[in-house]
């Protein structure tokens, strides 16, 4: 199967993002397309699987929940691109949280392929 060029472009933007707000907007676009449109997951299913995967790690769960809440709100907000989001200065935290969502949903291979990141230290 041939790779969709627009998907490759958005994942390249993900790899290149250096500002937290930019990364969050890109994560929103990827998550909306991949999880909601392509895979047809609903919020409750994602939240349930992520919570089960993370378990008792409350700090990680809080970060992933914040990320998912941002994605959910943006999916419902027609002017979402105009909303300012206070993001942490360490974008590695959001990359890790996003990666956790893919792992929890059983799609770690897709994340590894598209992000170019290895799947060590899940």
PDB file of N, CA and C in Angstrom:
ATOM      1  N   UNK A   1       0.836  -1.173   0.000  1.00  0.00           N
ATOM      2  CA  UNK A   1       0.000   0.000   0.000  1.00  0.00           C
ATOM      3  C   UNK A   1       0.886   1.243   0.000  1.00  0.00           C
ATOM      4  N   UNK A   2       0.572   2.189  -0.863  1.00  0.00           N
ATOM      5  CA  UNK A   2       1.368   3.405  -0.985  1.00  0.00           C
ATOM      6  C   UNK A   2       1.008   4.386   0.129  1.00  0.00           C
ATOM      7  N   UNK A   3       2.006   5.059   0.664  1.00  0.00           N
ATOM      8  CA  UNK A   3       1.814   6.027   1.746  1.00  0.00           C
ATOM      9  C   UNK A   3       1.099   7.268   1.225  1.00  0.00           C
ATOM     10  N   UNK A   4       0.120   7.742   1.974  1.00  0.00           N
ATOM     11  CA  UNK A   4      -0.603   8.961   1.657  1.00  0.00           C
ATOM     12  C   UNK A   4       0.348  10.146   1.846  1.00  0.00           C
ATOM     13  N   UNK A   5       0.602  10.939   0.789  1.00  0.00           N
ATOM     14  CA  UNK A   5       1.568  12.041   0.898  1.00  0.00           C
ATOM     15  C   UNK A   5       1.185  13.072   1.955  1.00  0.00           C
ATOM     16  N   UNK A   6      -0.099  13.373   2.121  1.00  0.00           N
ATOM     17  CA  UNK A   6      -0.486  14.379   3.112  1.00  0.00           C
ATOM     18  C   UNK A   6      -0.231  13.885   4.528  1.00  0.00           C
ATOM     19  N   UNK A   7      -0.386  12.567   4.763  1.00  0.00           N
ATOM     20  CA  UNK A   7      -0.055  12.011   6.082  1.00  0.00           C
ATOM     21  C   UNK A   7       1.434  12.114   6.338  1.00  0.00           C
ATOM     22  N   UNK A   8       2.222  11.851   5.342  1.00  0.00           N
ATOM     23  CA  UNK A   8       3.679  11.948   5.506  1.00  0.00           C
ATOM     24  C   UNK A   8       4.093  13.382   5.822  1.00  0.00           C
ATOM     25  N   UNK A   9       3.415  14.352   5.217  1.00  0.00           N
ATOM     26  CA  UNK A   9       3.744  15.756   5.456  1.00  0.00           C
ATOM     27  C   UNK A   9       3.429  16.142   6.899  1.00  0.00           C
ATOM     28  N   UNK A  10       2.260  15.765   7.401  1.00  0.00           N
ATOM     29  CA  UNK A  10       1.894  16.144   8.759  1.00  0.00           C
ATOM     30  C   UNK A  10       2.833  15.491   9.772  1.00  0.00           C
ATOM     31  N   UNK A  11       3.235  14.247   9.516  1.00  0.00           N
ATOM     32  CA  UNK A  11       4.167  13.596  10.430  1.00  0.00           C
ATOM     33  C   UNK A  11       5.548  14.243  10.344  1.00  0.00           C
ATOM     34  N   UNK A  12       5.919  14.752   9.182  1.00  0.00           N
ATOM     35  CA  UNK A  12       7.180  15.488   9.081  1.00  0.00           C
ATOM     36  C   UNK A  12       7.095  16.771   9.890  1.00  0.00           C
ATOM     37  N   UNK A  13       5.940  17.430   9.858  1.00  0.00           N
ATOM     38  CA  UNK A  13       5.735  18.618  10.685  1.00  0.00           C
ATOM     39  C   UNK A  13       5.847  18.251  12.168  1.00  0.00           C
ATOM     40  N   UNK A  14       5.308  17.097  12.538  1.00  0.00           N
ATOM     41  CA  UNK A  14       5.406  16.612  13.913  1.00  0.00           C
ATOM     42  C   UNK A  14       6.875  16.471  14.319  1.00  0.00           C
ATOM     43  N   UNK A  15       7.664  15.857  13.451  1.00  0.00           N
ATOM     44  CA  UNK A  15       9.088  15.656  13.736  1.00  0.00           C
ATOM     45  C   UNK A  15       9.840  16.986  13.851  1.00  0.00           C
ATOM     46  N   UNK A  16       9.434  17.963  13.043  1.00  0.00           N
ATOM     47  CA  UNK A  16      10.145  19.235  12.979  1.00  0.00           C
ATOM     48  C   UNK A  16       9.681  20.260  14.011  1.00  0.00           C
ATOM     49  N   UNK A  17       8.540  20.049  14.640  1.00  0.00           N
ATOM     50  CA  UNK A  17       7.971  21.045  15.558  1.00  0.00           C
ATOM     51  C   UNK A  17       8.935  21.353  16.702  1.00  0.00           C
ATOM     52  N   UNK A  18       9.129  22.624  16.971  1.00  0.00           N
ATOM     53  CA  UNK A  18      10.032  23.055  18.035  1.00  0.00           C
ATOM     54  C   UNK A  18       9.324  23.890  19.101  1.00  0.00           C
ATOM     55  N   UNK A  19       8.117  24.356  18.803  1.00  0.00           N
ATOM     56  CA  UNK A  19       7.354  25.160  19.754  1.00  0.00           C
ATOM     57  C   UNK A  19       6.191  24.342  20.304  1.00  0.00           C
ATOM     58  N   UNK A  20       5.924  24.424  21.598  1.00  0.00           N
ATOM     59  CA  UNK A  20       4.854  23.619  22.202  1.00  0.00           C
ATOM     60  C   UNK A  20       3.487  23.817  21.540  1.00  0.00           C
ATOM     61  N   UNK A  21       3.101  25.055  21.263  1.00  0.00           N
ATOM     62  CA  UNK A  21       1.798  25.295  20.651  1.00  0.00           C
ATOM     63  C   UNK A  21       1.723  24.708  19.248  1.00  0.00           C
ATOM     64  N   UNK A  22       2.802  24.795  18.507  1.00  0.00           N
ATOM     65  CA  UNK A  22       2.847  24.199  17.171  1.00  0.00           C
ATOM     66  C   UNK A  22       2.681  22.691  17.269  1.00  0.00           C
ATOM     67  N   UNK A  23       3.411  22.083  18.179  1.00  0.00           N
ATOM     68  CA  UNK A  23       3.314  20.637  18.355  1.00  0.00           C
ATOM     69  C   UNK A  23       1.898  20.229  18.735  1.00  0.00           C
ATOM     70  N   UNK A  24       1.264  20.955  19.647  1.00  0.00           N
ATOM     71  CA  UNK A  24      -0.099  20.619  20.057  1.00  0.00           C
ATOM     72  C   UNK A  24      -1.081  20.688  18.895  1.00  0.00           C
ATOM     73  N   UNK A  25      -0.940  21.681  18.050  1.00  0.00           N
ATOM     74  CA  UNK A  25      -1.828  21.784  16.885  1.00  0.00           C
ATOM     75  C   UNK A  25      -1.611  20.611  15.921  1.00  0.00           C
ATOM     76  N   UNK A  26      -0.374  20.224  15.748  1.00  0.00           N
ATOM     77  CA  UNK A  26      -0.065  19.089  14.871  1.00  0.00           C
ATOM     78  C   UNK A  26      -0.596  17.791  15.477  1.00  0.00           C
ATOM     79  N   UNK A  27      -0.400  17.600  16.776  1.00  0.00           N
ATOM     80  CA  UNK A  27      -0.933  16.417  17.456  1.00  0.00           C
ATOM     81  C   UNK A  27      -2.443  16.365  17.289  1.00  0.00           C
ATOM     82  N   UNK A  28      -3.094  17.508  17.431  1.00  0.00           N
ATOM     83  CA  UNK A  28      -4.540  17.557  17.251  1.00  0.00           C
ATOM     84  C   UNK A  28      -4.942  17.081  15.860  1.00  0.00           C
ATOM     85  N   UNK A  29      -4.256  17.553  14.844  1.00  0.00           N
ATOM     86  CA  UNK A  29      -4.591  17.165  13.473  1.00  0.00           C
ATOM     87  C   UNK A  29      -4.360  15.680  13.244  1.00  0.00           C
ATOM     88  N   UNK A  30      -3.255  15.156  13.746  1.00  0.00           N
ATOM     89  CA  UNK A  30      -2.969  13.727  13.583  1.00  0.00           C
ATOM     90  C   UNK A  30      -4.000  12.891  14.335  1.00  0.00           C
ATOM     91  N   UNK A  31      -4.247  13.230  15.585  1.00  0.00           N
ATOM     92  CA  UNK A  31      -5.185  12.453  16.406  1.00  0.00           C
ATOM     93  C   UNK A  31      -6.586  12.489  15.822  1.00  0.00           C
ATOM     94  N   UNK A  32      -7.031  13.666  15.398  1.00  0.00           N
ATOM     95  CA  UNK A  32      -8.367  13.777  14.819  1.00  0.00           C
ATOM     96  C   UNK A  32      -8.497  12.875  13.599  1.00  0.00           C
ATOM     97  N   UNK A  33      -7.535  12.955  12.712  1.00  0.00           N
ATOM     98  CA  UNK A  33      -7.607  12.135  11.498  1.00  0.00           C
ATOM     99  C   UNK A  33      -7.446  10.650  11.816  1.00  0.00           C
ATOM    100  N   UNK A  34      -6.396  10.319  12.539  1.00  0.00           N
ATOM    101  CA  UNK A  34      -6.075   8.903  12.739  1.00  0.00           C
ATOM    102  C   UNK A  34      -7.071   8.183  13.644  1.00  0.00           C
ATOM    103  N   UNK A  35      -7.303   8.720  14.828  1.00  0.00           N
ATOM    104  CA  UNK A  35      -8.127   8.008  15.798  1.00  0.00           C
ATOM    105  C   UNK A  35      -9.628   8.195  15.582  1.00  0.00           C
ATOM    106  N   UNK A  36     -10.056   9.403  15.233  1.00  0.00           N
ATOM    107  CA  UNK A  36     -11.489   9.660  15.112  1.00  0.00           C
ATOM    108  C   UNK A  36     -12.030   9.382  13.711  1.00  0.00           C
ATOM    109  N   UNK A  37     -11.332   9.839  12.679  1.00  0.00           N
ATOM    110  CA  UNK A  37     -11.838   9.673  11.327  1.00  0.00           C
ATOM    111  C   UNK A  37     -11.470   8.314  10.725  1.00  0.00           C
ATOM    112  N   UNK A  38     -10.209   7.960  10.765  1.00  0.00           N
ATOM    113  CA  UNK A  38      -9.731   6.740  10.118  1.00  0.00           C
ATOM    114  C   UNK A  38     -10.100   5.483  10.907  1.00  0.00           C
ATOM    115  N   UNK A  39      -9.799   5.468  12.202  1.00  0.00           N
ATOM    116  CA  UNK A  39     -10.043   4.278  13.027  1.00  0.00           C
ATOM    117  C   UNK A  39     -11.420   4.276  13.684  1.00  0.00           C
ATOM    118  N   UNK A  40     -12.098   5.412  13.675  1.00  0.00           N
ATOM    119  CA  UNK A  40     -13.458   5.532  14.192  1.00  0.00           C
ATOM    120  C   UNK A  40     -13.577   5.191  15.681  1.00  0.00           C
ATOM    121  N   UNK A  41     -12.555   5.546  16.456  1.00  0.00           N
ATOM    122  CA  UNK A  41     -12.634   5.376  17.906  1.00  0.00           C
ATOM    123  C   UNK A  41     -13.492   6.493  18.480  1.00  0.00           C
ATOM    124  N   UNK A  42     -14.083   6.234  19.637  1.00  0.00           N
ATOM    125  CA  UNK A  42     -14.749   7.323  20.343  1.00  0.00           C
ATOM    126  C   UNK A  42     -13.921   7.675  21.578  1.00  0.00           C
ATOM    127  N   UNK A  43     -14.252   8.801  22.174  1.00  0.00           N
ATOM    128  CA  UNK A  43     -13.476   9.314  23.305  1.00  0.00           C
ATOM    129  C   UNK A  43     -13.399   8.331  24.463  1.00  0.00           C
ATOM    130  N   UNK A  44     -14.536   7.746  24.799  1.00  0.00           N
ATOM    131  CA  UNK A  44     -14.571   6.841  25.944  1.00  0.00           C
ATOM    132  C   UNK A  44     -13.666   5.631  25.738  1.00  0.00           C
ATOM    133  N   UNK A  45     -13.635   5.113  24.526  1.00  0.00           N
ATOM    134  CA  UNK A  45     -12.784   3.960  24.224  1.00  0.00           C
ATOM    135  C   UNK A  45     -11.305   4.327  24.360  1.00  0.00           C
ATOM    136  N   UNK A  46     -10.940   5.475  23.831  1.00  0.00           N
ATOM    137  CA  UNK A  46      -9.543   5.921  23.933  1.00  0.00           C
ATOM    138  C   UNK A  46      -9.170   6.142  25.390  1.00  0.00           C
ATOM    139  N   UNK A  47     -10.005   6.878  26.112  1.00  0.00           N
ATOM    140  CA  UNK A  47      -9.705   7.179  27.512  1.00  0.00           C
ATOM    141  C   UNK A  47      -9.601   5.899  28.334  1.00  0.00           C
ATOM    142  N   UNK A  48     -10.485   4.951  28.111  1.00  0.00           N
ATOM    143  CA  UNK A  48     -10.476   3.696  28.850  1.00  0.00           C
ATOM    144  C   UNK A  48      -9.198   2.904  28.595  1.00  0.00           C
ATOM    145  N   UNK A  49      -8.817   2.784  27.328  1.00  0.00           N
ATOM    146  CA  UNK A  49      -7.609   2.027  26.989  1.00  0.00           C
ATOM    147  C   UNK A  49      -6.344   2.708  27.503  1.00  0.00           C
ATOM    148  N   UNK A  50      -6.302   4.029  27.401  1.00  0.00           N
ATOM    149  CA  UNK A  50      -5.130   4.761  27.877  1.00  0.00           C
ATOM    150  C   UNK A  50      -5.015   4.639  29.390  1.00  0.00           C
ATOM    151  N   UNK A  51      -6.126   4.795  30.096  1.00  0.00           N
ATOM    152  CA  UNK A  51      -6.123   4.676  31.558  1.00  0.00           C
ATOM    153  C   UNK A  51      -5.681   3.286  31.985  1.00  0.00           C
ATOM    154  N   UNK A  52      -6.184   2.254  31.323  1.00  0.00           N
ATOM    155  CA  UNK A  52      -5.791   0.886  31.647  1.00  0.00           C
ATOM    156  C   UNK A  52      -4.303   0.661  31.374  1.00  0.00           C
ATOM    157  N   UNK A  53      -3.803   1.245  30.298  1.00  0.00           N
ATOM    158  CA  UNK A  53      -2.391   1.078  29.934  1.00  0.00           C
ATOM    159  C   UNK A  53      -1.459   1.771  30.935  1.00  0.00           C
ATOM    160  N   UNK A  54      -1.803   2.982  31.321  1.00  0.00           N
ATOM    161  CA  UNK A  54      -0.935   3.759  32.203  1.00  0.00           C
ATOM    162  C   UNK A  54      -0.985   3.251  33.633  1.00  0.00           C
ATOM    163  N   UNK A  55      -2.153   2.858  34.086  1.00  0.00           N
ATOM    164  CA  UNK A  55      -2.275   2.341  35.447  1.00  0.00           C
ATOM    165  C   UNK A  55      -2.103   3.420  36.492  1.00  0.00           C
ATOM    166  N   UNK A  56      -1.246   3.167  37.464  1.00  0.00           N
ATOM    167  CA  UNK A  56      -1.118   4.021  38.646  1.00  0.00           C
ATOM    168  C   UNK A  56      -0.185   5.211  38.469  1.00  0.00           C
ATOM    169  N   UNK A  57       0.398   5.403  37.320  1.00  0.00           N
ATOM    170  CA  UNK A  57       1.310   6.520  37.099  1.00  0.00           C
ATOM    171  C   UNK A  57       0.497   7.809  36.941  1.00  0.00           C
ATOM    172  N   UNK A  58       0.171   8.439  38.064  1.00  0.00           N
ATOM    173  CA  UNK A  58      -0.743   9.581  38.046  1.00  0.00           C
ATOM    174  C   UNK A  58      -0.182  10.783  37.287  1.00  0.00           C
ATOM    175  N   UNK A  59       1.105  11.013  37.339  1.00  0.00           N
ATOM    176  CA  UNK A  59       1.685  12.152  36.621  1.00  0.00           C
ATOM    177  C   UNK A  59       1.558  11.956  35.109  1.00  0.00           C
ATOM    178  N   UNK A  60       1.848  10.752  34.659  1.00  0.00           N
ATOM    179  CA  UNK A  60       1.746  10.465  33.232  1.00  0.00           C
ATOM    180  C   UNK A  60       0.286  10.497  32.788  1.00  0.00           C
ATOM    181  N   UNK A  61      -0.598   9.943  33.610  1.00  0.00           N
ATOM    182  CA  UNK A  61      -2.026   9.941  33.284  1.00  0.00           C
ATOM    183  C   UNK A  61      -2.554  11.373  33.198  1.00  0.00           C
ATOM    184  N   UNK A  62      -2.125  12.230  34.096  1.00  0.00           N
ATOM    185  CA  UNK A  62      -2.556  13.633  34.079  1.00  0.00           C
ATOM    186  C   UNK A  62      -2.119  14.298  32.782  1.00  0.00           C
ATOM    187  N   UNK A  63      -0.882  14.089  32.370  1.00  0.00           N
ATOM    188  CA  UNK A  63      -0.377  14.688  31.139  1.00  0.00           C
ATOM    189  C   UNK A  63      -1.124  14.160  29.915  1.00  0.00           C
ATOM    190  N   UNK A  64      -1.327  12.851  29.851  1.00  0.00           N
ATOM    191  CA  UNK A  64      -2.041  12.271  28.709  1.00  0.00           C
ATOM    192  C   UNK A  64      -3.485  12.766  28.689  1.00  0.00           C
ATOM    193  N   UNK A  65      -4.126  12.845  29.850  1.00  0.00           N
ATOM    194  CA  UNK A  65      -5.496  13.352  29.905  1.00  0.00           C
ATOM    195  C   UNK A  65      -5.578  14.804  29.446  1.00  0.00           C
ATOM    196  N   UNK A  66      -4.594  15.625  29.813  1.00  0.00           N
ATOM    197  CA  UNK A  66      -4.553  17.014  29.345  1.00  0.00           C
ATOM    198  C   UNK A  66      -4.422  17.059  27.822  1.00  0.00           C
ATOM    199  N   UNK A  67      -3.561  16.218  27.287  1.00  0.00           N
ATOM    200  CA  UNK A  67      -3.379  16.162  25.845  1.00  0.00           C
ATOM    201  C   UNK A  67      -4.675  15.743  25.161  1.00  0.00           C
ATOM    202  N   UNK A  68      -5.310  14.690  25.668  1.00  0.00           N
ATOM    203  CA  UNK A  68      -6.554  14.211  25.069  1.00  0.00           C
ATOM    204  C   UNK A  68      -7.662  15.256  25.191  1.00  0.00           C
ATOM    205  N   UNK A  69      -7.735  15.931  26.314  1.00  0.00           N
ATOM    206  CA  UNK A  69      -8.750  16.974  26.485  1.00  0.00           C
ATOM    207  C   UNK A  69      -8.554  18.074  25.447  1.00  0.00           C
ATOM    208  N   UNK A  70      -7.316  18.437  25.206  1.00  0.00           N
ATOM    209  CA  UNK A  70      -7.018  19.436  24.179  1.00  0.00           C
ATOM    210  C   UNK A  70      -7.504  18.952  22.816  1.00  0.00           C
ATOM    211  N   UNK A  71      -7.221  17.702  22.480  1.00  0.00           N
ATOM    212  CA  UNK A  71      -7.652  17.141  21.199  1.00  0.00           C
ATOM    213  C   UNK A  71      -9.172  17.120  21.120  1.00  0.00           C
ATOM    214  N   UNK A  72      -9.830  16.681  22.177  1.00  0.00           N
ATOM    215  CA  UNK A  72     -11.297  16.614  22.175  1.00  0.00           C
ATOM    216  C   UNK A  72     -11.912  17.995  21.985  1.00  0.00           C
ATOM    217  N   UNK A  73     -11.403  18.982  22.708  1.00  0.00           N
ATOM    218  CA  UNK A  73     -11.955  20.330  22.605  1.00  0.00           C
ATOM    219  C   UNK A  73     -11.736  20.903  21.221  1.00  0.00           C
ATOM    220  N   UNK A  74     -10.577  20.663  20.650  1.00  0.00           N
ATOM    221  CA  UNK A  74     -10.279  21.182  19.320  1.00  0.00           C
ATOM    222  C   UNK A  74     -11.152  20.518  18.263  1.00  0.00           C
ATOM    223  N   UNK A  75     -11.456  19.239  18.444  1.00  0.00           N
ATOM    224  CA  UNK A  75     -12.289  18.531  17.477  1.00  0.00           C
ATOM    225  C   UNK A  75     -13.697  19.128  17.437  1.00  0.00           C
ATOM    226  N   UNK A  76     -14.144  19.692  18.552  1.00  0.00           N
ATOM    227  CA  UNK A  76     -15.485  20.273  18.624  1.00  0.00           C
ATOM    228  C   UNK A  76     -15.497  21.765  18.346  1.00  0.00           C
ATOM    229  N   UNK A  77     -14.349  22.389  18.272  1.00  0.00           N
ATOM    230  CA  UNK A  77     -14.264  23.842  18.195  1.00  0.00           C
ATOM    231  C   UNK A  77     -13.956  24.294  16.777  1.00  0.00           C
ATOM    232  N   UNK A  78     -14.901  24.945  16.141  1.00  0.00           N
ATOM    233  CA  UNK A  78     -14.705  25.357  14.752  1.00  0.00           C
ATOM    234  C   UNK A  78     -13.675  26.476  14.610  1.00  0.00           C
ATOM    235  N   UNK A  79     -13.369  27.195  15.690  1.00  0.00           N
ATOM    236  CA  UNK A  79     -12.342  28.234  15.616  1.00  0.00           C
ATOM    237  C   UNK A  79     -11.128  27.834  16.441  1.00  0.00           C
ATOM    238  N   UNK A  80     -10.928  26.537  16.586  1.00  0.00           N
ATOM    239  CA  UNK A  80      -9.879  26.005  17.439  1.00  0.00           C
ATOM    240  C   UNK A  80      -8.502  26.546  17.170  1.00  0.00           C
ATOM    241  N   UNK A  81      -8.196  26.846  15.931  1.00  0.00           N
ATOM    242  CA  UNK A  81      -6.852  27.323  15.624  1.00  0.00           C
ATOM    243  C   UNK A  81      -6.582  28.704  16.192  1.00  0.00           C
ATOM    244  N   UNK A  82      -7.616  29.386  16.662  1.00  0.00           N
ATOM    245  CA  UNK A  82      -7.457  30.724  17.198  1.00  0.00           C
ATOM    246  C   UNK A  82      -7.299  30.722  18.716  1.00  0.00           C
ATOM    247  N   UNK A  83      -7.403  29.578  19.347  1.00  0.00           N
ATOM    248  CA  UNK A  83      -7.346  29.487  20.797  1.00  0.00           C
ATOM    249  C   UNK A  83      -5.907  29.296  21.248  1.00  0.00           C
ATOM    250  N   UNK A  84      -5.496  30.073  22.238  1.00  0.00           N
ATOM    251  CA  UNK A  84      -4.159  29.951  22.800  1.00  0.00           C
ATOM    252  C   UNK A  84      -4.150  28.840  23.840  1.00  0.00           C
ATOM    253  N   UNK A  85      -3.131  28.044  23.818  1.00  0.00           N
ATOM    254  CA  UNK A  85      -2.998  26.956  24.774  1.00  0.00           C
ATOM    255  C   UNK A  85      -1.707  27.151  25.549  1.00  0.00           C
ATOM    256  N   UNK A  86      -1.814  27.088  26.866  1.00  0.00           N
ATOM    257  CA  UNK A  86      -0.619  27.161  27.698  1.00  0.00           C
ATOM    258  C   UNK A  86       0.026  25.781  27.698  1.00  0.00           C
ATOM    259  N   UNK A  87       1.150  25.648  27.064  1.00  0.00           N
ATOM    260  CA  UNK A  87       1.813  24.360  26.951  1.00  0.00           C
ATOM    261  C   UNK A  87       3.123  24.393  27.730  1.00  0.00           C
ATOM    262  N   UNK A  88       3.574  23.230  28.188  1.00  0.00           N
ATOM    263  CA  UNK A  88       4.853  23.193  28.895  1.00  0.00           C
ATOM    264  C   UNK A  88       5.985  23.535  27.928  1.00  0.00           C
ATOM    265  N   UNK A  89       7.071  24.026  28.477  1.00  0.00           N
ATOM    266  CA  UNK A  89       8.194  24.389  27.618  1.00  0.00           C
ATOM    267  C   UNK A  89       8.937  23.154  27.107  1.00  0.00           C
ATOM    268  N   UNK A  90       8.730  22.018  27.746  1.00  0.00           N
ATOM    269  CA  UNK A  90       9.395  20.788  27.336  1.00  0.00           C
ATOM    270  C   UNK A  90       8.462  19.980  26.435  1.00  0.00           C
ATOM    271  N   UNK A  91       8.631  20.140  25.132  1.00  0.00           N
ATOM    272  CA  UNK A  91       7.727  19.457  24.206  1.00  0.00           C
ATOM    273  C   UNK A  91       7.933  17.944  24.212  1.00  0.00           C
ATOM    274  N   UNK A  92       9.040  17.497  24.761  1.00  0.00           N
ATOM    275  CA  UNK A  92       9.267  16.053  24.871  1.00  0.00           C
ATOM    276  C   UNK A  92       8.173  15.388  25.702  1.00  0.00           C
ATOM    277  N   UNK A  93       7.626  16.117  26.687  1.00  0.00           N
ATOM    278  CA  UNK A  93       6.533  15.572  27.494  1.00  0.00           C
ATOM    279  C   UNK A  93       5.304  15.286  26.640  1.00  0.00           C
ATOM    280  N   UNK A  94       4.960  16.199  25.735  1.00  0.00           N
ATOM    281  CA  UNK A  94       3.798  15.973  24.883  1.00  0.00           C
ATOM    282  C   UNK A  94       4.063  14.897  23.842  1.00  0.00           C
ATOM    283  N   UNK A  95       5.276  14.829  23.346  1.00  0.00           N
ATOM    284  CA  UNK A  95       5.601  13.736  22.406  1.00  0.00           C
ATOM    285  C   UNK A  95       5.459  12.386  23.112  1.00  0.00           C
ATOM    286  N   UNK A  96       5.943  12.312  24.337  1.00  0.00           N
ATOM    287  CA  UNK A  96       5.835  11.082  25.118  1.00  0.00           C
ATOM    288  C   UNK A  96       4.374  10.724  25.395  1.00  0.00           C
ATOM    289  N   UNK A  97       3.576  11.713  25.739  1.00  0.00           N
ATOM    290  CA  UNK A  97       2.155  11.474  25.998  1.00  0.00           C
ATOM    291  C   UNK A  97       1.446  10.992  24.738  1.00  0.00           C
ATOM    292  N   UNK A  98       1.765  11.601  23.608  1.00  0.00           N
ATOM    293  CA  UNK A  98       1.140  11.204  22.346  1.00  0.00           C
ATOM    294  C   UNK A  98       1.541   9.779  21.973  1.00  0.00           C
ATOM    295  N   UNK A  99       2.783   9.474  22.168  1.00  0.00           N
ATOM    296  CA  UNK A  99       3.285   8.120  21.914  1.00  0.00           C
ATOM    297  C   UNK A  99       2.553   7.110  22.806  1.00  0.00           C
ATOM    298  N   UNK A 100       2.310   7.476  24.060  1.00  0.00           N
ATOM    299  CA  UNK A 100       1.587   6.609  24.989  1.00  0.00           C
ATOM    300  C   UNK A 100       0.189   6.295  24.480  1.00  0.00           C
ATOM    301  N   UNK A 101      -0.473   7.275  23.879  1.00  0.00           N
ATOM    302  CA  UNK A 101      -1.816   7.037  23.331  1.00  0.00           C
ATOM    303  C   UNK A 101      -1.742   5.970  22.242  1.00  0.00           C
ATOM    304  N   UNK A 102      -0.783   6.077  21.337  1.00  0.00           N
ATOM    305  CA  UNK A 102      -0.644   5.081  20.277  1.00  0.00           C
ATOM    306  C   UNK A 102      -0.350   3.701  20.861  1.00  0.00           C
ATOM    307  N   UNK A 103       0.510   3.638  21.854  1.00  0.00           N
ATOM    308  CA  UNK A 103       0.846   2.357  22.481  1.00  0.00           C
ATOM    309  C   UNK A 103      -0.394   1.759  23.133  1.00  0.00           C
ATOM    310  N   UNK A 104      -1.125   2.576  23.883  1.00  0.00           N
ATOM    311  CA  UNK A 104      -2.327   2.098  24.572  1.00  0.00           C
ATOM    312  C   UNK A 104      -3.381   1.598  23.590  1.00  0.00           C
ATOM    313  N   UNK A 105      -3.430   2.194  22.414  1.00  0.00           N
ATOM    314  CA  UNK A 105      -4.418   1.799  21.417  1.00  0.00           C
ATOM    315  C   UNK A 105      -3.922   0.642  20.540  1.00  0.00           C
ATOM    316  N   UNK A 106      -2.743   0.092  20.876  1.00  0.00           N
ATOM    317  CA  UNK A 106      -2.210  -1.046  20.128  1.00  0.00           C
ATOM    318  C   UNK A 106      -1.661  -0.661  18.767  1.00  0.00           C
ATOM    319  N   UNK A 107      -1.245   0.595  18.615  1.00  0.00           N
ATOM    320  CA  UNK A 107      -0.773   1.073  17.320  1.00  0.00           C
ATOM    321  C   UNK A 107       0.636   1.642  17.399  1.00  0.00           C
ATOM    322  N   UNK A 108       1.431   1.007  18.264  1.00  0.00           N
ATOM    323  CA  UNK A 108       2.801   1.477  18.430  1.00  0.00           C
ATOM    324  C   UNK A 108       3.634   1.379  17.157  1.00  0.00           C
ATOM    325  N   UNK A 109       3.381   0.364  16.334  1.00  0.00           N
ATOM    326  CA  UNK A 109       4.146   0.216  15.094  1.00  0.00           C
ATOM    327  C   UNK A 109       3.850   1.377  14.141  1.00  0.00           C
ATOM    328  N   UNK A 110       2.607   1.806  14.090  1.00  0.00           N
ATOM    329  CA  UNK A 110       2.248   2.941  13.233  1.00  0.00           C
ATOM    330  C   UNK A 110       2.952   4.207  13.721  1.00  0.00           C
ATOM    331  N   UNK A 111       2.928   4.433  15.025  1.00  0.00           N
ATOM    332  CA  UNK A 111       3.598   5.601  15.586  1.00  0.00           C
ATOM    333  C   UNK A 111       5.100   5.564  15.267  1.00  0.00           C
ATOM    334  N   UNK A 112       5.721   4.412  15.480  1.00  0.00           N
ATOM    335  CA  UNK A 112       7.159   4.280  15.229  1.00  0.00           C
ATOM    336  C   UNK A 112       7.488   4.564  13.768  1.00  0.00           C
ATOM    337  N   UNK A 113       6.671   4.027  12.869  1.00  0.00           N
ATOM    338  CA  UNK A 113       6.906   4.229  11.441  1.00  0.00           C
ATOM    339  C   UNK A 113       6.746   5.692  11.058  1.00  0.00           C
ATOM    340  N   UNK A 114       5.653   6.310  11.504  1.00  0.00           N
ATOM    341  CA  UNK A 114       5.352   7.662  11.065  1.00  0.00           C
ATOM    342  C   UNK A 114       6.222   8.719  11.768  1.00  0.00           C
ATOM    343  N   UNK A 115       6.533   8.505  13.029  1.00  0.00           N
ATOM    344  CA  UNK A 115       7.307   9.504  13.779  1.00  0.00           C
ATOM    345  C   UNK A 115       8.808   9.341  13.581  1.00  0.00           C
ATOM    346  N   UNK A 116       9.222   8.141  13.167  1.00  0.00           N
ATOM    347  CA  UNK A 116      10.647   7.860  13.025  1.00  0.00           C
ATOM    348  C   UNK A 116      11.312   7.543  14.347  1.00  0.00           C
ATOM    349  N   UNK A 117      10.497   7.447  15.422  1.00  0.00           N
ATOM    350  CA  UNK A 117      11.041   7.138  16.731  1.00  0.00           C
ATOM    351  C   UNK A 117      10.993   5.635  16.963  1.00  0.00           C
ATOM    352  N   UNK A 118      12.025   5.094  17.572  1.00  0.00           N
ATOM    353  CA  UNK A 118      12.010   3.698  17.951  1.00  0.00           C
ATOM    354  C   UNK A 118      11.045   3.495  19.101  1.00  0.00           C
ATOM    355  N   UNK A 119      10.653   2.287  19.351  1.00  0.00           N
ATOM    356  CA  UNK A 119       9.682   2.029  20.408  1.00  0.00           C
ATOM    357  C   UNK A 119      10.326   1.517  21.687  1.00  0.00           C
ATOM    358  N   UNK A 120      11.605   1.775  21.889  1.00  0.00           N
ATOM    359  CA  UNK A 120      12.221   1.402  23.162  1.00  0.00           C
ATOM    360  C   UNK A 120      11.703   2.354  24.242  1.00  0.00           C
ATOM    361  N   UNK A 121      11.737   1.928  25.467  1.00  0.00           N
ATOM    362  CA  UNK A 121      11.264   2.690  26.623  1.00  0.00           C
ATOM    363  C   UNK A 121       9.820   3.154  26.502  1.00  0.00           C
ATOM    364  N   UNK A 122       8.847   2.247  26.245  1.00  0.00           N
ATOM    365  CA  UNK A 122       7.464   2.660  26.123  1.00  0.00           C
ATOM    366  C   UNK A 122       6.947   3.136  27.437  1.00  0.00           C
TER     367      UNK A 122
END
